[in-house]
PDB file of N, CA and C in Angstrom:
ATOM      1  N   MET A   1     -36.418  36.469  66.962  1.00  0.00           N
ATOM      2  CA  MET A   1     -36.207  37.414  65.964  1.00  0.00           C
ATOM      3  C   MET A   1     -37.029  37.392  65.111  1.00  0.00           C
ATOM      4  N   THR A   2     -37.295  38.563  64.624  1.00  0.00           N
ATOM      5  CA  THR A   2     -37.908  38.846  63.392  1.00  0.00           C
ATOM      6  C   THR A   2     -37.160  38.839  62.462  1.00  0.00           C
ATOM      7  N   GLU A   3     -37.729  38.851  61.189  1.00  0.00           N
ATOM      8  CA  GLU A   3     -37.169  38.589  59.599  1.00  0.00           C
ATOM      9  C   GLU A   3     -35.674  39.959  59.779  1.00  0.00           C
ATOM     10  N   SER A   4     -36.678  41.040  59.570  1.00  0.00           N
ATOM     11  CA  SER A   4     -36.022  42.466  59.710  1.00  0.00           C
ATOM     12  C   SER A   4     -34.842  42.659  60.549  1.00  0.00           C
ATOM     13  N   GLU A   5     -35.022  42.067  61.826  1.00  0.00           N
ATOM     14  CA  GLU A   5     -33.640  41.942  62.900  1.00  0.00           C
ATOM     15  C   GLU A   5     -32.890  41.225  62.323  1.00  0.00           C
ATOM     16  N   PHE A   6     -33.171  39.733  61.980  1.00  0.00           N
ATOM     17  CA  PHE A   6     -32.307  38.707  61.477  1.00  0.00           C
ATOM     18  C   PHE A   6     -31.417  39.670  60.366  1.00  0.00           C
ATOM     19  N   LEU A   7     -32.162  40.118  58.976  1.00  0.00           N
ATOM     20  CA  LEU A   7     -31.479  41.253  58.278  1.00  0.00           C
ATOM     21  C   LEU A   7     -30.151  41.938  58.804  1.00  0.00           C
ATOM     22  N   ILE A   8     -30.976  42.527  59.661  1.00  0.00           N
ATOM     23  CA  ILE A   8     -29.856  43.562  59.797  1.00  0.00           C
ATOM     24  C   ILE A   8     -28.670  43.205  60.191  1.00  0.00           C
ATOM     25  N   GLN A   9     -28.580  42.061  61.651  1.00  0.00           N
ATOM     26  CA  GLN A   9     -27.455  41.230  62.297  1.00  0.00           C
ATOM     27  C   GLN A   9     -26.441  40.545  61.490  1.00  0.00           C
ATOM     28  N   ALA A  10     -26.993  40.062  59.886  1.00  0.00           N
ATOM     29  CA  ALA A  10     -26.201  39.413  58.912  1.00  0.00           C
ATOM     30  C   ALA A  10     -25.576  40.270  58.406  1.00  0.00           C
ATOM     31  N   ASN A  11     -26.552  41.223  57.578  1.00  0.00           N
ATOM     32  CA  ASN A  11     -25.776  42.293  57.019  1.00  0.00           C
ATOM     33  C   ASN A  11     -24.633  42.962  57.473  1.00  0.00           C
ATOM     34  N   ASN A  12     -24.917  43.468  58.954  1.00  0.00           N
ATOM     35  CA  ASN A  12     -24.112  44.028  59.877  1.00  0.00           C
ATOM     36  C   ASN A  12     -23.011  42.532  59.986  1.00  0.00           C
ATOM     37  N   TYR A  13     -23.004  41.852  59.642  1.00  0.00           N
ATOM     38  CA  TYR A  13     -21.737  40.641  59.926  1.00  0.00           C
ATOM     39  C   TYR A  13     -20.870  40.761  58.363  1.00  0.00           C
ATOM     40  N   LEU A  14     -21.479  40.936  57.492  1.00  0.00           N
ATOM     41  CA  LEU A  14     -20.905  40.665  56.426  1.00  0.00           C
ATOM     42  C   LEU A  14     -19.975  41.711  55.909  1.00  0.00           C
ATOM     43  N   THR A  15     -20.432  43.175  56.515  1.00  0.00           N
ATOM     44  CA  THR A  15     -19.967  44.023  56.288  1.00  0.00           C
ATOM     45  C   THR A  15     -18.927  44.287  57.265  1.00  0.00           C
ATOM     46  N   LYS A  16     -19.047  43.437  58.273  1.00  0.00           N
ATOM     47  CA  LYS A  16     -17.618  43.117  59.065  1.00  0.00           C
ATOM     48  C   LYS A  16     -16.443  42.842  58.582  1.00  0.00           C
ATOM     49  N   ILE A  17     -17.091  41.730  58.196  1.00  0.00           N
ATOM     50  CA  ILE A  17     -15.854  40.634  57.303  1.00  0.00           C
ATOM     51  C   ILE A  17     -15.425  41.774  56.235  1.00  0.00           C
ATOM     52  N   GLU A  18     -16.304  42.219  55.331  1.00  0.00           N
ATOM     53  CA  GLU A  18     -15.508  43.351  54.071  1.00  0.00           C
ATOM     54  C   GLU A  18     -14.727  44.020  54.607  1.00  0.00           C
ATOM     55  N   THR A  19     -15.122  44.605  55.717  1.00  0.00           N
ATOM     56  CA  THR A  19     -13.690  45.765  55.765  1.00  0.00           C
ATOM     57  C   THR A  19     -12.786  44.894  56.739  1.00  0.00           C
ATOM     58  N   LEU A  20     -13.084  43.714  57.727  1.00  0.00           N
ATOM     59  CA  LEU A  20     -11.542  42.933  57.820  1.00  0.00           C
ATOM     60  C   LEU A  20     -10.798  42.720  56.350  1.00  0.00           C
ATOM     61  N   ALA A  21     -11.316  42.785  55.372  1.00  0.00           N
ATOM     62  CA  ALA A  21     -11.117  41.393  53.977  1.00  0.00           C
ATOM     63  C   ALA A  21      -9.952  43.149  53.609  1.00  0.00           C
ATOM     64  N   GLU A  22     -10.636  44.412  53.559  1.00  0.00           N
ATOM     65  CA  GLU A  22     -10.046  45.241  53.137  1.00  0.00           C
ATOM     66  C   GLU A  22      -8.798  45.571  53.743  1.00  0.00           C
ATOM     67  N   LYS A  23      -8.418  45.893  55.427  1.00  0.00           N
ATOM     68  CA  LYS A  23      -7.654  45.647  56.130  1.00  0.00           C
ATOM     69  C   LYS A  23      -6.641  44.950  55.896  1.00  0.00           C
ATOM     70  N   TRP A  24      -7.008  43.788  55.781  1.00  0.00           N
ATOM     71  CA  TRP A  24      -5.963  42.594  55.457  1.00  0.00           C
ATOM     72  C   TRP A  24      -5.487  42.811  53.952  1.00  0.00           C
ATOM     73  N   ILE A  25      -6.084  43.132  52.638  1.00  0.00           N
ATOM     74  CA  ILE A  25      -5.480  43.243  51.950  1.00  0.00           C
ATOM     75  C   ILE A  25      -4.531  45.037  52.044  1.00  0.00           C
ATOM     76  N   ASP A  26      -4.793  45.898  52.743  1.00  0.00           N
ATOM     77  CA  ASP A  26      -4.046  46.914  52.932  1.00  0.00           C
ATOM     78  C   ASP A  26      -2.705  46.312  53.748  1.00  0.00           C
ATOM     79  N   GLU A  27      -2.524  45.065  54.630  1.00  0.00           N
ATOM     80  CA  GLU A  27      -1.529  44.728  55.124  1.00  0.00           C
ATOM     81  C   GLU A  27      -0.389  43.578  54.171  1.00  0.00           C
ATOM     82  N   ASN A  28      -1.061  43.756  52.817  1.00  0.00           N
ATOM     83  CA  ASN A  28      -0.688  42.614  51.984  1.00  0.00           C
ATOM     84  C   ASN A  28      -0.662  41.099  51.700  1.00  0.00           C
ATOM     85  N   ILE A  29      -2.124  40.893  52.413  1.00  0.00           N
ATOM     86  CA  ILE A  29      -2.669  39.703  52.406  1.00  0.00           C
ATOM     87  C   ILE A  29      -3.047  39.321  51.068  1.00  0.00           C
ATOM     88  N   ASP A  30      -2.949  38.282  50.678  1.00  0.00           N
ATOM     89  CA  ASP A  30      -3.478  37.947  49.152  1.00  0.00           C
ATOM     90  C   ASP A  30      -4.986  37.242  49.247  1.00  0.00           C
ATOM     91  N   ILE A  31      -5.621  38.706  49.480  1.00  0.00           N
ATOM     92  CA  ILE A  31      -6.905  38.384  49.192  1.00  0.00           C
ATOM     93  C   ILE A  31      -7.662  38.965  48.596  1.00  0.00           C
ATOM     94  N   ASP A  32      -8.934  38.389  47.694  1.00  0.00           N
ATOM     95  CA  ASP A  32      -9.829  39.218  46.985  1.00  0.00           C
ATOM     96  C   ASP A  32     -11.059  38.924  47.895  1.00  0.00           C
ATOM     97  N   CYS A  33     -11.754  39.909  48.026  1.00  0.00           N
ATOM     98  CA  CYS A  33     -13.063  40.092  48.565  1.00  0.00           C
ATOM     99  C   CYS A  33     -14.597  40.223  47.347  1.00  0.00           C
ATOM    100  N   SER A  34     -15.552  39.864  47.716  1.00  0.00           N
ATOM    101  CA  SER A  34     -16.199  39.980  46.888  1.00  0.00           C
ATOM    102  C   SER A  34     -17.777  40.083  47.325  1.00  0.00           C
ATOM    103  N   ARG A  35     -18.615  40.888  46.988  1.00  0.00           N
ATOM    104  CA  ARG A  35     -20.153  40.840  47.611  1.00  0.00           C
ATOM    105  C   ARG A  35     -21.414  40.435  46.653  1.00  0.00           C
ATOM    106  N   GLN A  36     -22.167  39.422  46.494  1.00  0.00           N
ATOM    107  CA  GLN A  36     -23.301  39.713  45.050  1.00  0.00           C
ATOM    108  C   GLN A  36     -24.538  39.152  46.585  1.00  0.00           C
ATOM    109  N   GLY A  37     -25.151  40.423  46.530  1.00  0.00           N
ATOM    110  CA  GLY A  37     -26.427  40.628  47.040  1.00  0.00           C
ATOM    111  C   GLY A  37     -26.371  39.546  48.629  1.00  0.00           C
ATOM    112  N   ASN A  38     -26.649  38.644  49.199  1.00  0.00           N
ATOM    113  CA  ASN A  38     -26.199  37.975  50.465  1.00  0.00           C
ATOM    114  C   ASN A  38     -25.423  37.165  50.354  1.00  0.00           C
ATOM    115  N   VAL A  39     -24.337  36.719  49.697  1.00  0.00           N
ATOM    116  CA  VAL A  39     -23.454  36.223  49.279  1.00  0.00           C
ATOM    117  C   VAL A  39     -21.884  37.051  49.580  1.00  0.00           C
ATOM    118  N   LEU A  40     -21.312  36.461  50.346  1.00  0.00           N
ATOM    119  CA  LEU A  40     -20.000  37.067  50.548  1.00  0.00           C
ATOM    120  C   LEU A  40     -18.485  36.221  50.596  1.00  0.00           C
ATOM    121  N   THR A  41     -17.845  36.317  49.256  1.00  0.00           N
ATOM    122  CA  THR A  41     -16.741  35.477  48.851  1.00  0.00           C
ATOM    123  C   THR A  41     -15.553  35.489  48.867  1.00  0.00           C
ATOM    124  N   LEU A  42     -14.784  34.984  50.269  1.00  0.00           N
ATOM    125  CA  LEU A  42     -12.936  35.424  50.335  1.00  0.00           C
ATOM    126  C   LEU A  42     -12.277  34.502  49.628  1.00  0.00           C
ATOM    127  N   ASP A  43     -11.359  35.047  48.727  1.00  0.00           N
ATOM    128  CA  ASP A  43     -10.610  34.440  47.740  1.00  0.00           C
ATOM    129  C   ASP A  43      -9.119  34.457  48.267  1.00  0.00           C
ATOM    130  N   PHE A  44      -8.560  33.158  48.784  1.00  0.00           N
ATOM    131  CA  PHE A  44      -6.951  32.930  49.088  1.00  0.00           C
ATOM    132  C   PHE A  44      -6.470  32.434  48.097  1.00  0.00           C
ATOM    133  N   ASN A  45      -6.128  33.355  47.362  1.00  0.00           N
ATOM    134  CA  ASN A  45      -4.817  32.602  45.976  1.00  0.00           C
ATOM    135  C   ASN A  45      -5.453  31.250  45.570  1.00  0.00           C
ATOM    136  N   GLY A  46      -6.885  31.450  45.213  1.00  0.00           N
ATOM    137  CA  GLY A  46      -7.765  30.101  44.769  1.00  0.00           C
ATOM    138  C   GLY A  46      -8.706  29.269  45.495  1.00  0.00           C
ATOM    139  N   GLN A  47      -8.435  29.633  46.796  1.00  0.00           N
ATOM    140  CA  GLN A  47      -9.498  28.909  48.038  1.00  0.00           C
ATOM    141  C   GLN A  47     -10.040  29.870  48.520  1.00  0.00           C
ATOM    142  N   GLN A  48     -11.420  29.011  48.235  1.00  0.00           N
ATOM    143  CA  GLN A  48     -12.565  30.186  48.819  1.00  0.00           C
ATOM    144  C   GLN A  48     -13.363  29.937  50.295  1.00  0.00           C
ATOM    145  N   VAL A  49     -13.557  31.067  51.016  1.00  0.00           N
ATOM    146  CA  VAL A  49     -14.408  31.141  51.759  1.00  0.00           C
ATOM    147  C   VAL A  49     -15.784  31.616  51.502  1.00  0.00           C
ATOM    148  N   VAL A  50     -16.973  31.339  51.221  1.00  0.00           N
ATOM    149  CA  VAL A  50     -18.084  31.920  51.286  1.00  0.00           C
ATOM    150  C   VAL A  50     -19.029  31.825  52.340  1.00  0.00           C
ATOM    151  N   LEU A  51     -19.436  32.977  52.698  1.00  0.00           N
ATOM    152  CA  LEU A  51     -20.616  33.301  53.795  1.00  0.00           C
ATOM    153  C   LEU A  51     -21.956  33.628  53.127  1.00  0.00           C
ATOM    154  N   ASN A  52     -22.593  32.841  53.571  1.00  0.00           N
ATOM    155  CA  ASN A  52     -24.546  33.116  52.708  1.00  0.00           C
ATOM    156  C   ASN A  52     -25.520  33.461  53.767  1.00  0.00           C
ATOM    157  N   ILE A  53     -26.340  34.789  53.495  1.00  0.00           N
ATOM    158  CA  ILE A  53     -27.153  34.687  54.319  1.00  0.00           C
ATOM    159  C   ILE A  53     -28.235  34.161  54.046  1.00  0.00           C
ATOM    160  N   GLN A  54     -29.254  33.346  55.078  1.00  0.00           N
ATOM    161  CA  GLN A  54     -29.983  32.359  54.869  1.00  0.00           C
ATOM    162  C   GLN A  54     -31.145  32.714  55.703  1.00  0.00           C
ATOM    163  N   THR A  55     -32.307  33.309  54.547  1.00  0.00           N
ATOM    164  CA  THR A  55     -33.009  34.435  55.631  1.00  0.00           C
ATOM    165  C   THR A  55     -34.137  33.591  55.622  1.00  0.00           C
ATOM    166  N   PRO A  56     -34.730  32.241  55.005  1.00  0.00           N
ATOM    167  CA  PRO A  56     -35.938  31.576  56.246  1.00  0.00           C
ATOM    168  C   PRO A  56     -35.853  30.545  57.137  1.00  0.00           C
ATOM    169  N   MET A  57     -34.439  30.383  57.081  1.00  0.00           N
ATOM    170  CA  MET A  57     -34.109  29.495  57.970  1.00  0.00           C
ATOM    171  C   MET A  57     -33.299  30.389  59.350  1.00  0.00           C
ATOM    172  N   LYS A  58     -32.901  32.380  58.660  1.00  0.00           N
ATOM    173  CA  LYS A  58     -32.539  32.690  60.145  1.00  0.00           C
ATOM    174  C   LYS A  58     -31.480  32.443  60.305  1.00  0.00           C
ATOM    175  N   GLU A  59     -30.123  32.248  59.251  1.00  0.00           N
ATOM    176  CA  GLU A  59     -29.144  31.456  59.336  1.00  0.00           C
ATOM    177  C   GLU A  59     -27.715  31.697  58.663  1.00  0.00           C
ATOM    178  N   LEU A  60     -26.586  32.315  59.123  1.00  0.00           N
ATOM    179  CA  LEU A  60     -25.949  32.640  58.165  1.00  0.00           C
ATOM    180  C   LEU A  60     -24.777  31.185  57.844  1.00  0.00           C
ATOM    181  N   TRP A  61     -24.609  31.104  56.529  1.00  0.00           N
ATOM    182  CA  TRP A  61     -23.928  29.991  56.276  1.00  0.00           C
ATOM    183  C   TRP A  61     -22.466  30.025  55.635  1.00  0.00           C
ATOM    184  N   ILE A  62     -21.316  29.619  56.210  1.00  0.00           N
ATOM    185  CA  ILE A  62     -20.296  29.601  55.683  1.00  0.00           C
ATOM    186  C   ILE A  62     -19.747  28.112  54.700  1.00  0.00           C
ATOM    187  N   ALA A  63     -19.072  28.332  53.892  1.00  0.00           N
ATOM    188  CA  ALA A  63     -18.528  27.037  53.215  1.00  0.00           C
ATOM    189  C   ALA A  63     -17.280  26.961  52.974  1.00  0.00           C
ATOM    190  N   SER A  64     -16.287  26.187  53.011  1.00  0.00           N
ATOM    191  CA  SER A  64     -14.925  26.356  52.699  1.00  0.00           C
ATOM    192  C   SER A  64     -14.682  25.069  52.488  1.00  0.00           C
ATOM    193  N   LYS A  65     -12.800  24.469  52.238  1.00  0.00           N
ATOM    194  CA  LYS A  65     -12.660  23.555  51.866  1.00  0.00           C
ATOM    195  C   LYS A  65     -12.876  22.607  53.291  1.00  0.00           C
ATOM    196  N   SER A  66     -12.441  23.241  54.565  1.00  0.00           N
ATOM    197  CA  SER A  66     -12.552  22.608  55.415  1.00  0.00           C
ATOM    198  C   SER A  66     -13.985  21.925  56.165  1.00  0.00           C
ATOM    199  N   GLY A  67     -15.028  22.317  55.519  1.00  0.00           N
ATOM    200  CA  GLY A  67     -16.692  22.040  55.489  1.00  0.00           C
ATOM    201  C   GLY A  67     -17.413  23.371  55.648  1.00  0.00           C
ATOM    202  N   ALA A  68     -18.999  22.633  55.906  1.00  0.00           N
ATOM    203  CA  ALA A  68     -19.900  23.807  55.668  1.00  0.00           C
ATOM    204  C   ALA A  68     -20.890  23.917  56.988  1.00  0.00           C
ATOM    205  N   TYR A  69     -21.080  25.012  57.456  1.00  0.00           N
ATOM    206  CA  TYR A  69     -21.388  25.227  58.831  1.00  0.00           C
ATOM    207  C   TYR A  69     -22.469  25.791  58.499  1.00  0.00           C
ATOM    208  N   HIS A  70     -23.219  26.024  59.844  1.00  0.00           N
ATOM    209  CA  HIS A  70     -24.610  26.763  59.836  1.00  0.00           C
ATOM    210  C   HIS A  70     -24.867  27.909  61.610  1.00  0.00           C
ATOM    211  N   TYR A  71     -24.927  29.188  61.487  1.00  0.00           N
ATOM    212  CA  TYR A  71     -24.842  29.766  62.396  1.00  0.00           C
ATOM    213  C   TYR A  71     -26.005  30.373  62.966  1.00  0.00           C
ATOM    214  N   LYS A  72     -26.669  30.510  64.352  1.00  0.00           N
ATOM    215  CA  LYS A  72     -27.721  31.627  64.432  1.00  0.00           C
ATOM    216  C   LYS A  72     -27.360  32.229  65.310  1.00  0.00           C
ATOM    217  N   PHE A  73     -27.969  33.958  65.159  1.00  0.00           N
ATOM    218  CA  PHE A  73     -27.136  34.919  66.204  1.00  0.00           C
ATOM    219  C   PHE A  73     -28.033  34.378  67.267  1.00  0.00           C
ATOM    220  N   ASP A  74     -27.531  34.330  68.573  1.00  0.00           N
ATOM    221  CA  ASP A  74     -28.164  34.385  69.922  1.00  0.00           C
ATOM    222  C   ASP A  74     -28.240  35.440  70.601  1.00  0.00           C
ATOM    223  N   GLY A  75     -28.005  36.730  69.961  1.00  0.00           N
ATOM    224  CA  GLY A  75     -28.655  38.083  70.431  1.00  0.00           C
ATOM    225  C   GLY A  75     -26.896  38.916  70.945  1.00  0.00           C
ATOM    226  N   LEU A  76     -25.804  37.757  71.092  1.00  0.00           N
ATOM    227  CA  LEU A  76     -24.381  38.052  70.743  1.00  0.00           C
ATOM    228  C   LEU A  76     -23.698  38.085  69.935  1.00  0.00           C
ATOM    229  N   LYS A  77     -24.025  36.895  69.560  1.00  0.00           N
ATOM    230  CA  LYS A  77     -22.398  36.183  68.474  1.00  0.00           C
ATOM    231  C   LYS A  77     -23.189  35.168  67.587  1.00  0.00           C
ATOM    232  N   TRP A  78     -22.668  34.910  66.527  1.00  0.00           N
ATOM    233  CA  TRP A  78     -23.298  33.570  65.628  1.00  0.00           C
ATOM    234  C   TRP A  78     -22.609  32.300  66.130  1.00  0.00           C
ATOM    235  N   VAL A  79     -23.739  31.711  66.676  1.00  0.00           N
ATOM    236  CA  VAL A  79     -23.424  30.068  67.079  1.00  0.00           C
ATOM    237  C   VAL A  79     -23.435  29.396  66.214  1.00  0.00           C
ATOM    238  N   ASN A  80     -22.955  28.458  66.442  1.00  0.00           N
ATOM    239  CA  ASN A  80     -23.203  27.127  65.416  1.00  0.00           C
ATOM    240  C   ASN A  80     -24.275  26.471  65.823  1.00  0.00           C
ATOM    241  N   THR A  81     -25.051  26.094  64.983  1.00  0.00           N
ATOM    242  CA  THR A  81     -26.452  25.250  65.069  1.00  0.00           C
ATOM    243  C   THR A  81     -25.966  23.573  65.597  1.00  0.00           C
ATOM    244  N   ARG A  82     -24.469  23.086  65.557  1.00  0.00           N
ATOM    245  CA  ARG A  82     -24.104  21.861  66.291  1.00  0.00           C
ATOM    246  C   ARG A  82     -23.646  21.949  67.412  1.00  0.00           C
ATOM    247  N   GLU A  83     -23.992  21.277  68.559  1.00  0.00           N
ATOM    248  CA  GLU A  83     -23.746  21.782  69.558  1.00  0.00           C
ATOM    249  C   GLU A  83     -21.801  21.454  70.105  1.00  0.00           C
ATOM    250  N   GLY A  84     -21.249  22.251  70.434  1.00  0.00           N
ATOM    251  CA  GLY A  84     -19.839  21.883  70.830  1.00  0.00           C
ATOM    252  C   GLY A  84     -19.026  22.417  69.617  1.00  0.00           C
ATOM    253  N   LYS A  85     -19.599  23.244  68.845  1.00  0.00           N
ATOM    254  CA  LYS A  85     -18.466  23.407  67.652  1.00  0.00           C
ATOM    255  C   LYS A  85     -18.061  25.124  68.064  1.00  0.00           C
ATOM    256  N   ASN A  86     -17.750  25.544  66.694  1.00  0.00           N
ATOM    257  CA  ASN A  86     -17.180  26.935  67.403  1.00  0.00           C
ATOM    258  C   ASN A  86     -18.087  28.402  66.888  1.00  0.00           C
ATOM    259  N   ASP A  87     -18.056  29.371  67.441  1.00  0.00           N
ATOM    260  CA  ASP A  87     -18.773  30.411  66.967  1.00  0.00           C
ATOM    261  C   ASP A  87     -18.412  31.075  65.545  1.00  0.00           C
ATOM    262  N   LEU A  88     -18.678  31.776  64.976  1.00  0.00           N
ATOM    263  CA  LEU A  88     -18.602  32.374  63.519  1.00  0.00           C
ATOM    264  C   LEU A  88     -16.997  32.336  63.326  1.00  0.00           C
ATOM    265  N   ASP A  89     -16.817  33.333  64.423  1.00  0.00           N
ATOM    266  CA  ASP A  89     -15.449  34.700  64.801  1.00  0.00           C
ATOM    267  C   ASP A  89     -14.243  33.780  64.737  1.00  0.00           C
ATOM    268  N   THR A  90     -14.418  32.452  65.637  1.00  0.00           N
ATOM    269  CA  THR A  90     -13.576  31.836  65.752  1.00  0.00           C
ATOM    270  C   THR A  90     -13.420  30.860  64.901  1.00  0.00           C
ATOM    271  N   GLU A  91     -14.305  30.183  63.855  1.00  0.00           N
ATOM    272  CA  GLU A  91     -13.947  29.591  62.564  1.00  0.00           C
ATOM    273  C   GLU A  91     -13.715  30.453  61.682  1.00  0.00           C
ATOM    274  N   LEU A  92     -14.137  31.323  61.281  1.00  0.00           N
ATOM    275  CA  LEU A  92     -13.201  32.702  60.415  1.00  0.00           C
ATOM    276  C   LEU A  92     -12.142  32.630  60.932  1.00  0.00           C
ATOM    277  N   THR A  93     -11.765  32.741  61.794  1.00  0.00           N
ATOM    278  CA  THR A  93     -10.376  33.454  62.619  1.00  0.00           C
ATOM    279  C   THR A  93      -9.538  31.694  61.669  1.00  0.00           C
ATOM    280  N   GLU A  94      -9.687  31.214  62.362  1.00  0.00           N
ATOM    281  CA  GLU A  94      -9.335  29.729  61.785  1.00  0.00           C
ATOM    282  C   GLU A  94      -9.336  29.183  60.522  1.00  0.00           C
ATOM    283  N   VAL A  95     -10.018  29.489  59.622  1.00  0.00           N
ATOM    284  CA  VAL A  95     -10.155  29.482  58.090  1.00  0.00           C
ATOM    285  C   VAL A  95      -9.483  29.882  57.489  1.00  0.00           C
ATOM    286  N   CYS A  96      -9.508  31.238  58.080  1.00  0.00           N
ATOM    287  CA  CYS A  96      -8.710  32.484  57.289  1.00  0.00           C
ATOM    288  C   CYS A  96      -7.513  32.081  57.377  1.00  0.00           C
ATOM    289  N   SER A  97      -6.724  31.907  58.490  1.00  0.00           N
ATOM    290  CA  SER A  97      -5.749  31.989  59.103  1.00  0.00           C
ATOM    291  C   SER A  97      -4.909  30.785  58.104  1.00  0.00           C
ATOM    292  N   SER A  98      -5.651  29.920  58.006  1.00  0.00           N
ATOM    293  CA  SER A  98      -5.081  28.356  57.440  1.00  0.00           C
ATOM    294  C   SER A  98      -4.510  28.755  55.920  1.00  0.00           C
ATOM    295  N   LEU A  99      -5.914  29.373  55.240  1.00  0.00           N
ATOM    296  CA  LEU A  99      -5.630  29.570  53.752  1.00  0.00           C
ATOM    297  C   LEU A  99      -4.692  30.590  53.106  1.00  0.00           C
ATOM    298  N   SER A 100      -4.652  31.497  54.265  1.00  0.00           N
ATOM    299  CA  SER A 100      -3.635  32.941  53.713  1.00  0.00           C
ATOM    300  C   SER A 100      -2.126  32.467  54.409  1.00  0.00           C
ATOM    301  N   GLY A 101      -2.068  31.666  55.520  1.00  0.00           N
ATOM    302  CA  GLY A 101      -0.826  30.831  55.692  1.00  0.00           C
ATOM    303  C   GLY A 101      -0.312  32.284  56.949  1.00  0.00           C
ATOM    304  N   VAL A 102      -1.366  33.451  57.368  1.00  0.00           N
ATOM    305  CA  VAL A 102      -0.852  34.441  58.342  1.00  0.00           C
ATOM    306  C   VAL A 102      -1.926  34.050  59.177  1.00  0.00           C
ATOM    307  N   LYS A 103      -1.345  34.626  60.662  1.00  0.00           N
ATOM    308  CA  LYS A 103      -2.698  34.615  61.575  1.00  0.00           C
ATOM    309  C   LYS A 103      -3.323  35.950  61.637  1.00  0.00           C
ATOM    310  N   LEU A 104      -4.585  35.297  61.255  1.00  0.00           N
ATOM    311  CA  LEU A 104      -5.636  36.576  61.201  1.00  0.00           C
ATOM    312  C   LEU A 104      -7.011  36.550  61.947  1.00  0.00           C
ATOM    313  N   THR A 105      -7.413  38.017  62.496  1.00  0.00           N
ATOM    314  CA  THR A 105      -8.181  37.519  63.706  1.00  0.00           C
ATOM    315  C   THR A 105      -9.362  38.098  63.213  1.00  0.00           C
ATOM    316  N   VAL A 106     -11.047  37.922  63.448  1.00  0.00           N
ATOM    317  CA  VAL A 106     -12.195  37.863  63.175  1.00  0.00           C
ATOM    318  C   VAL A 106     -12.597  38.597  64.339  1.00  0.00           C
TER     319      VAL A 106
END
């Protein structure tokens, strides 16, 4: 995957999460969402989830109180670089649901 192909996929993913956050806000979920360049921050009542585009590594990184994880795009989805771990949608579903106290789906 070229750098420009990676950036398209990574930016599309961050846009997807921003759109979901707006939907959750409309559903009265206590969340703030802000994007500064390649960093998207979701704030659930003071507890944050940070998604970060790492262009040199061609990875998306996520950091939250549950840990930090790295994901590569496999052509279909963002997969954890550590074998046996959740894909990015599954990880964000679990983390965001835990922080919000509401079952959310990414």
